[in-house]
Amino acid sequence: MTFLDTAKALLEASLQPSPTVIFVGLAIVILVPILLHFILVAATPYSTLPSVLLVGPSGAGKTALLTLFERGPLATHTQQQHHNDEKQQQPNNTAVALTHTSQTPATVELAVSDDGASSFRDDLDAAGSAHKKFLLVDTPGHAKLRRHALARIQGTSAASSTAAVATTSSSSDSSSSSKSKVKAVVFVVDAAALADGDALPETAGYLYEVLLSLQKRMGAGKGSRAPASVPVLVAANKLDLFTALPAALVRSNLEAELGRIRRTRSRGLLDSGVGADDDVAAAGGAAGDENDDWLGEYGSDKFSFKQMLEFDIEVDVIGGNVIGEGPGADRWWRWIAERI
């Protein structure tokens, strides 16, 4: 039989209705589009930008920090002051952009050099440097609006969707249409307010929720592959003020308050009566609930940020300031650049 005869026979067989022909045809119709989809997805460059969340209580300086990273230090200006009927000039070389309390999330697109050695003051496009882009998301700090930050943190294990990038710090950011892969969390605190003590419980309470959400996220991953870790930077802001606590005291005060909150919540769960000895099933449920709400190493007397390493959560406390004389925000920028 010649090749032409063989080809003719195969063609005639393919045109005759039979289970084999029908099965092969269905396989081609179903599998070819799927195969083309995966080929196109693999060839398409990654377009969803990673994001860094700015969280913290109201008045800590999140929006000011966002503005500083977006615009850089403002141009030098001169302030006129009157003292004893004489005019004196006082130069101010720091960024002093006016901000207000955020009520909706705001997103800006920023870039860091590939080697991580750039500063937020550098224009990487003008310098022609290779760089990576990311989104910096400022979330409201008011107690009734913190759901925006917590929802993003709890959703970091999900697949990323297309991010809607705002071009200015005043642009609103809808959580339903502007999700991206969270790479890090920057928790901004007012180091001067913590010295007073009244702001410490609220600040630590919010930080407790953030860390607990990240802890639960690490334990909620489906399958054998754990979610990617999300490090946390506690940015002790306003160190330019005389009353501000240094970063070491901010760390110890927050750890002590987080430990107190942990004990209070644990006692509250036990006092509620859930998990009484006369109900074994309820007791098992209570133990699970208590474990879920216990931050850090379960059963430990004192809390420390080092306990979060058990859940692959790195917590750093670094001091700085957005305006005024002091260490500035360079160390915060470098911390972010190393994790993008």
Protein backbone atom coordinates (compact mmCIF):
# COMPACT_ATOMS: atom_id res chain seq x y z
CA MET A 1 0.00 0.00 0.00
CA THR A 2 1.41 3.32 -1.02
CA PHE A 3 1.52 6.42 1.15
CA LEU A 4 -1.31 7.95 -0.82
CA ASP A 5 -3.49 4.93 -0.21
CA THR A 6 -2.70 5.03 3.51
CA ALA A 7 -3.59 8.71 3.74
CA LYS A 8 -6.82 8.10 1.84
CA ALA A 9 -7.77 5.29 4.17
CA LEU A 10 -7.12 7.42 7.27
CA LEU A 11 -9.17 10.28 5.84
CA GLU A 12 -12.09 7.98 5.07
CA ALA A 13 -11.88 6.52 8.60
CA SER A 14 -11.90 9.99 10.18
CA LEU A 15 -15.04 10.94 8.27
CA GLN A 16 -16.94 7.85 9.33
CA PRO A 17 -18.88 8.20 12.64
CA SER A 18 -17.37 6.06 15.35
CA PRO A 19 -16.66 6.35 19.12
CA THR A 20 -12.95 6.79 18.47
CA VAL A 21 -13.44 9.66 16.04
CA ILE A 22 -15.91 11.38 18.35
CA PHE A 23 -13.57 11.03 21.37
CA VAL A 24 -10.55 12.38 19.46
CA GLY A 25 -12.58 15.29 18.11
CA LEU A 26 -13.87 16.28 21.54
CA ALA A 27 -10.36 16.05 22.99
CA ILE A 28 -9.05 18.39 20.29
CA VAL A 29 -11.89 20.88 20.75
CA ILE A 30 -11.44 21.01 24.55
CA LEU A 31 -7.70 20.65 25.01
CA VAL A 32 -6.41 22.92 22.25
CA PRO A 33 -8.00 26.14 23.65
CA ILE A 34 -6.77 25.25 27.16
CA LEU A 35 -3.25 24.62 25.86
CA LEU A 36 -3.27 27.92 23.95
CA HIS A 37 -4.45 29.74 27.08
CA PHE A 38 -1.52 28.46 29.15
CA ILE A 39 0.93 29.28 26.37
CA LEU A 40 -0.35 32.86 26.12
CA VAL A 41 -0.37 33.33 29.91
CA ALA A 42 3.20 32.07 30.18
CA ALA A 43 4.30 34.42 27.40
CA THR A 44 2.55 37.46 28.91
CA PRO A 45 4.77 39.48 31.29
CA TYR A 46 3.74 39.84 34.94
CA SER A 47 1.73 43.05 35.09
CA THR A 48 0.23 43.08 38.58
CA LEU A 49 2.49 45.17 40.76
CA PRO A 50 3.40 44.11 44.30
CA SER A 51 2.12 46.41 47.03
CA VAL A 52 3.22 47.68 50.43
CA LEU A 53 0.50 48.58 52.94
CA LEU A 54 0.76 51.66 55.15
CA VAL A 55 -1.31 51.00 58.27
CA GLY A 56 -1.53 52.52 61.72
CA PRO A 57 -3.75 54.75 63.86
CA SER A 58 -4.93 58.15 62.72
CA GLY A 59 -2.44 60.98 63.08
CA ALA A 60 0.63 58.73 63.00
CA GLY A 61 1.87 60.22 59.72
CA LYS A 62 0.94 57.61 57.08
CA THR A 63 -0.33 60.09 54.50
CA ALA A 64 2.62 62.40 55.08
CA LEU A 65 4.98 59.48 54.52
CA LEU A 66 3.14 58.52 51.33
CA THR A 67 3.46 62.10 50.09
CA LEU A 68 7.16 62.22 50.95
CA PHE A 69 7.93 59.00 49.06
CA GLU A 70 5.83 60.11 46.09
CA ARG A 71 7.07 63.69 45.69
CA GLY A 72 10.36 63.71 47.57
CA PRO A 73 11.44 66.60 49.78
CA LEU A 74 9.74 69.82 48.77
CA ALA A 75 11.72 72.78 47.48
CA THR A 76 13.45 74.89 50.10
CA HIS A 77 11.28 77.72 51.28
CA THR A 78 11.59 80.50 53.80
CA GLN A 79 9.30 81.05 56.75
CA GLN A 80 8.85 84.55 58.07
CA GLN A 81 8.72 84.81 61.85
CA HIS A 82 8.23 87.90 63.97
CA HIS A 83 10.14 88.05 67.24
CA ASN A 84 10.47 91.26 69.28
CA ASP A 85 9.18 93.29 66.30
CA GLU A 86 12.11 92.04 64.18
CA LYS A 87 11.81 89.80 61.11
CA GLN A 88 13.87 86.65 61.16
CA GLN A 89 14.27 84.10 58.38
CA GLN A 90 14.34 80.41 59.19
CA PRO A 91 15.13 77.96 56.35
CA ASN A 92 13.32 74.66 56.24
CA ASN A 93 14.64 71.98 53.91
CA THR A 94 12.23 69.18 54.77
CA ALA A 95 9.01 68.10 53.18
CA VAL A 96 6.06 69.76 54.88
CA ALA A 97 3.18 68.89 52.58
CA LEU A 98 -0.16 69.47 54.29
CA THR A 99 -2.20 66.31 54.79
CA HIS A 100 -5.54 65.41 56.31
CA THR A 101 -7.09 62.35 57.91
CA SER A 102 -7.68 59.70 55.25
CA GLN A 103 -11.16 58.27 54.85
CA THR A 104 -10.46 56.05 51.85
CA PRO A 105 -7.36 54.12 50.76
CA ALA A 106 -4.95 55.96 48.46
CA THR A 107 -2.42 54.33 46.15
CA VAL A 108 0.69 55.64 44.41
CA GLU A 109 3.12 53.88 42.10
CA LEU A 110 6.77 54.05 43.14
CA ALA A 111 9.99 52.40 42.01
CA VAL A 112 13.19 51.13 43.59
CA SER A 113 16.43 50.27 41.82
CA ASP A 114 17.21 46.62 41.22
CA ASP A 115 20.18 46.78 43.57
CA GLY A 116 18.08 48.44 46.30
CA ALA A 117 20.62 51.25 46.71
CA SER A 118 18.43 54.07 45.45
CA SER A 119 16.70 56.72 47.54
CA PHE A 120 13.16 57.99 47.27
CA ARG A 121 14.77 61.27 46.21
CA ASP A 122 16.24 59.73 43.04
CA ASP A 123 14.56 59.98 39.66
CA LEU A 124 15.28 56.50 38.34
CA ASP A 125 13.66 57.15 34.95
CA ALA A 126 15.85 60.19 34.34
CA ALA A 127 18.95 58.32 35.46
CA GLY A 128 18.17 55.38 33.20
CA SER A 129 18.58 52.90 36.06
CA ALA A 130 16.96 49.49 36.05
CA HIS A 131 14.21 49.49 38.63
CA LYS A 132 11.22 47.64 40.00
CA LYS A 133 7.83 49.25 40.44
CA PHE A 134 5.46 48.70 43.35
CA LEU A 135 2.31 50.19 44.85
CA LEU A 136 2.33 52.02 48.17
CA VAL A 137 -1.17 51.89 49.68
CA ASP A 138 -2.20 54.30 52.44
CA THR A 139 -5.11 52.90 54.46
CA PRO A 140 -7.35 54.88 56.85
CA GLY A 141 -6.42 54.65 60.51
CA HIS A 142 -9.82 55.43 62.04
CA ALA A 143 -11.20 52.52 64.04
CA LYS A 144 -14.33 52.29 61.85
CA LEU A 145 -12.31 52.24 58.62
CA ARG A 146 -9.57 49.77 59.49
CA ARG A 147 -11.43 47.03 57.65
CA HIS A 148 -9.73 48.24 54.46
CA ALA A 149 -6.27 47.28 55.75
CA LEU A 150 -7.38 44.05 57.45
CA ALA A 151 -9.26 42.91 54.34
CA ARG A 152 -6.16 43.39 52.20
CA ILE A 153 -4.00 41.52 54.70
CA GLN A 154 -6.43 38.61 54.92
CA GLY A 155 -6.58 38.44 51.13
CA THR A 156 -2.84 38.30 50.51
CA SER A 157 -2.90 34.54 50.03
CA ALA A 158 -5.42 34.80 47.20
CA ALA A 159 -4.43 35.14 43.59
CA SER A 160 -3.61 38.69 42.60
CA SER A 161 -5.95 40.59 40.34
CA THR A 162 -5.32 43.60 38.17
CA ALA A 163 -4.37 46.67 40.19
CA ALA A 164 -5.87 50.05 39.46
CA VAL A 165 -3.03 52.49 39.96
CA ALA A 166 -3.81 56.00 41.19
CA THR A 167 -1.45 58.71 40.04
CA THR A 168 -1.69 61.01 43.06
CA SER A 169 -1.75 60.48 46.79
CA SER A 170 -5.23 61.97 46.99
CA SER A 171 -6.69 59.41 44.59
CA SER A 172 -9.19 56.99 46.09
CA ASP A 173 -8.56 53.29 45.96
CA SER A 174 -11.42 50.79 45.93
CA SER A 175 -10.61 47.52 47.65
CA SER A 176 -12.84 45.65 45.24
CA SER A 177 -11.05 46.88 42.10
CA SER A 178 -7.53 47.55 43.34
CA LYS A 179 -6.06 44.42 44.82
CA SER A 180 -2.46 43.38 44.40
CA LYS A 181 0.00 41.05 46.02
CA VAL A 182 1.00 42.42 49.42
CA LYS A 183 4.75 42.14 49.91
CA ALA A 184 5.13 44.00 53.22
CA VAL A 185 3.23 45.97 55.86
CA VAL A 186 4.50 49.25 57.31
CA PHE A 187 2.76 50.02 60.61
CA VAL A 188 3.33 53.71 61.36
CA VAL A 189 3.15 54.80 65.01
CA ASP A 190 3.48 58.20 66.66
CA ALA A 191 6.48 57.79 68.95
CA ALA A 192 5.70 61.09 70.67
CA ALA A 193 2.10 60.07 71.46
CA LEU A 194 3.23 56.72 72.86
CA ALA A 195 5.26 58.58 75.47
CA ASP A 196 2.01 59.94 76.92
CA GLY A 197 0.58 56.47 77.40
CA ASP A 198 -3.02 57.24 76.40
CA ALA A 199 -2.35 56.33 72.76
CA LEU A 200 -0.54 53.09 73.59
CA PRO A 201 -3.62 50.84 74.11
CA GLU A 202 -5.26 51.94 70.84
CA THR A 203 -2.02 51.63 68.85
CA ALA A 204 -1.19 48.23 70.29
CA GLY A 205 -4.77 47.05 69.79
CA TYR A 206 -4.62 47.86 66.10
CA LEU A 207 -1.19 46.25 65.78
CA TYR A 208 -2.57 43.16 67.53
CA GLU A 209 -5.27 42.84 64.85
CA VAL A 210 -2.74 43.26 62.05
CA LEU A 211 -0.32 40.67 63.42
CA LEU A 212 -3.12 38.26 64.29
CA SER A 213 -4.51 38.52 60.74
CA LEU A 214 -1.08 37.70 59.33
CA GLN A 215 -0.69 34.83 61.80
CA LYS A 216 -4.07 33.33 60.85
CA ARG A 217 -3.25 33.78 57.18
CA MET A 218 -0.11 31.66 57.54
CA GLY A 219 -2.18 28.88 59.11
CA ALA A 220 -5.04 29.11 56.62
CA GLY A 221 -3.08 28.13 53.52
CA LYS A 222 -4.61 25.27 51.58
CA GLY A 223 -2.40 22.42 50.56
CA SER A 224 1.19 21.72 51.49
CA ARG A 225 2.52 25.02 50.16
CA ALA A 226 2.49 27.79 52.76
CA PRO A 227 1.58 31.36 51.75
CA ALA A 228 4.41 33.77 51.07
CA SER A 229 5.57 35.53 54.23
CA VAL A 230 4.67 39.20 54.74
CA PRO A 231 7.19 41.09 56.90
CA VAL A 232 6.10 43.97 59.14
CA LEU A 233 7.93 47.22 59.80
CA VAL A 234 6.89 49.22 62.85
CA ALA A 235 7.90 52.72 61.78
CA ALA A 236 8.36 54.83 64.92
CA ASN A 237 7.60 58.24 63.44
CA LYS A 238 8.11 61.80 64.73
CA LEU A 239 11.51 61.22 66.32
CA ASP A 240 12.21 64.87 65.54
CA LEU A 241 10.07 65.76 68.57
CA PHE A 242 11.75 66.05 71.96
CA THR A 243 9.06 63.96 73.67
CA ALA A 244 9.29 61.04 71.22
CA LEU A 245 10.37 57.65 72.50
CA PRO A 246 13.39 56.02 70.85
CA ALA A 247 12.78 52.93 68.74
CA ALA A 248 13.97 50.56 71.50
CA LEU A 249 11.40 51.93 73.97
CA VAL A 250 8.68 51.90 71.32
CA ARG A 251 9.43 48.22 70.81
CA SER A 252 9.41 47.31 74.51
CA ASN A 253 6.26 49.33 75.25
CA LEU A 254 4.38 47.76 72.35
CA GLU A 255 5.49 44.25 73.30
CA ALA A 256 4.36 44.78 76.89
CA GLU A 257 0.98 46.16 75.80
CA LEU A 258 0.48 43.38 73.25
CA GLY A 259 1.13 40.87 76.03
CA ARG A 260 -1.45 42.58 78.23
CA ILE A 261 -4.02 42.54 75.41
CA ARG A 262 -3.32 38.86 74.82
CA ARG A 263 -3.92 38.00 78.48
CA THR A 264 -7.07 40.12 78.62
CA ARG A 265 -8.58 38.46 75.58
CA SER A 266 -7.71 35.03 76.90
CA ARG A 267 -9.40 35.74 80.25
CA GLY A 268 -12.41 37.17 78.46
CA LEU A 269 -12.82 33.96 76.49
CA LEU A 270 -12.58 31.82 79.61
CA ASP A 271 -14.96 34.08 81.58
CA SER A 272 -17.56 33.75 78.83
CA GLY A 273 -18.14 30.14 79.95
CA VAL A 274 -17.33 28.62 76.59
CA GLY A 275 -15.47 25.39 77.03
CA ALA A 276 -16.84 24.40 80.44
CA ASP A 277 -15.75 21.03 81.75
CA ASP A 278 -19.30 19.71 81.66
CA ASP A 279 -19.37 19.97 77.88
CA VAL A 280 -16.44 18.20 76.25
CA ALA A 281 -17.36 19.27 72.75
CA ALA A 282 -17.63 22.88 73.77
CA ALA A 283 -14.34 22.61 75.58
CA GLY A 284 -12.63 21.48 72.43
CA GLY A 285 -14.14 24.37 70.53
CA ALA A 286 -13.02 26.87 73.15
CA ALA A 287 -9.45 25.65 73.03
CA GLY A 288 -9.46 26.10 69.28
CA ASP A 289 -10.92 29.61 69.52
CA GLU A 290 -8.40 30.61 72.17
CA ASN A 291 -5.53 29.31 70.09
CA ASP A 292 -6.82 31.24 67.08
CA ASP A 293 -6.90 34.53 69.00
CA TRP A 294 -3.63 34.00 70.86
CA LEU A 295 -0.87 36.07 69.30
CA GLY A 296 2.61 34.56 69.13
CA GLU A 297 3.85 31.57 71.13
CA TYR A 298 0.84 29.95 72.79
CA GLY A 299 1.00 29.83 76.58
CA SER A 300 4.03 32.12 76.92
CA ASP A 301 4.06 34.60 79.80
CA LYS A 302 5.52 37.55 77.92
CA PHE A 303 5.07 38.55 74.31
CA SER A 304 7.92 39.56 72.03
CA PHE A 305 8.06 40.24 68.33
CA LYS A 306 10.53 37.36 68.00
CA GLN A 307 7.66 34.96 68.67
CA MET A 308 6.17 35.91 65.30
CA LEU A 309 9.09 34.19 63.56
CA GLU A 310 7.35 30.92 64.46
CA PHE A 311 4.76 31.93 61.85
CA ASP A 312 7.39 33.21 59.40
CA ILE A 313 6.50 36.84 60.19
CA GLU A 314 9.47 39.16 60.55
CA VAL A 315 8.81 42.27 62.68
CA ASP A 316 11.30 45.16 62.74
CA VAL A 317 11.06 48.42 64.69
CA ILE A 318 12.90 51.35 63.10
CA GLY A 319 12.75 54.99 64.14
CA GLY A 320 12.53 57.96 61.80
CA ASN A 321 10.58 61.07 60.94
CA VAL A 322 8.84 62.58 57.94
CA ILE A 323 9.40 66.26 58.76
CA GLY A 324 11.85 68.13 60.94
CA GLU A 325 15.43 67.36 61.87
CA GLY A 326 16.23 63.75 62.66
CA PRO A 327 17.02 60.37 61.09
CA GLY A 328 14.48 60.95 58.31
CA ALA A 329 12.73 58.24 56.32
CA ASP A 330 15.70 56.74 54.48
CA ARG A 331 15.92 53.61 56.65
CA TRP A 332 12.23 52.93 56.08
CA TRP A 333 12.73 53.27 52.33
CA ARG A 334 15.67 50.87 52.35
CA TRP A 335 13.66 48.36 54.39
CA ILE A 336 10.91 48.47 51.76
CA ALA A 337 13.38 48.27 48.86
CA GLU A 338 14.96 45.12 50.27
CA ARG A 339 11.59 43.36 50.31
CA ILE A 340 10.24 44.31 46.89
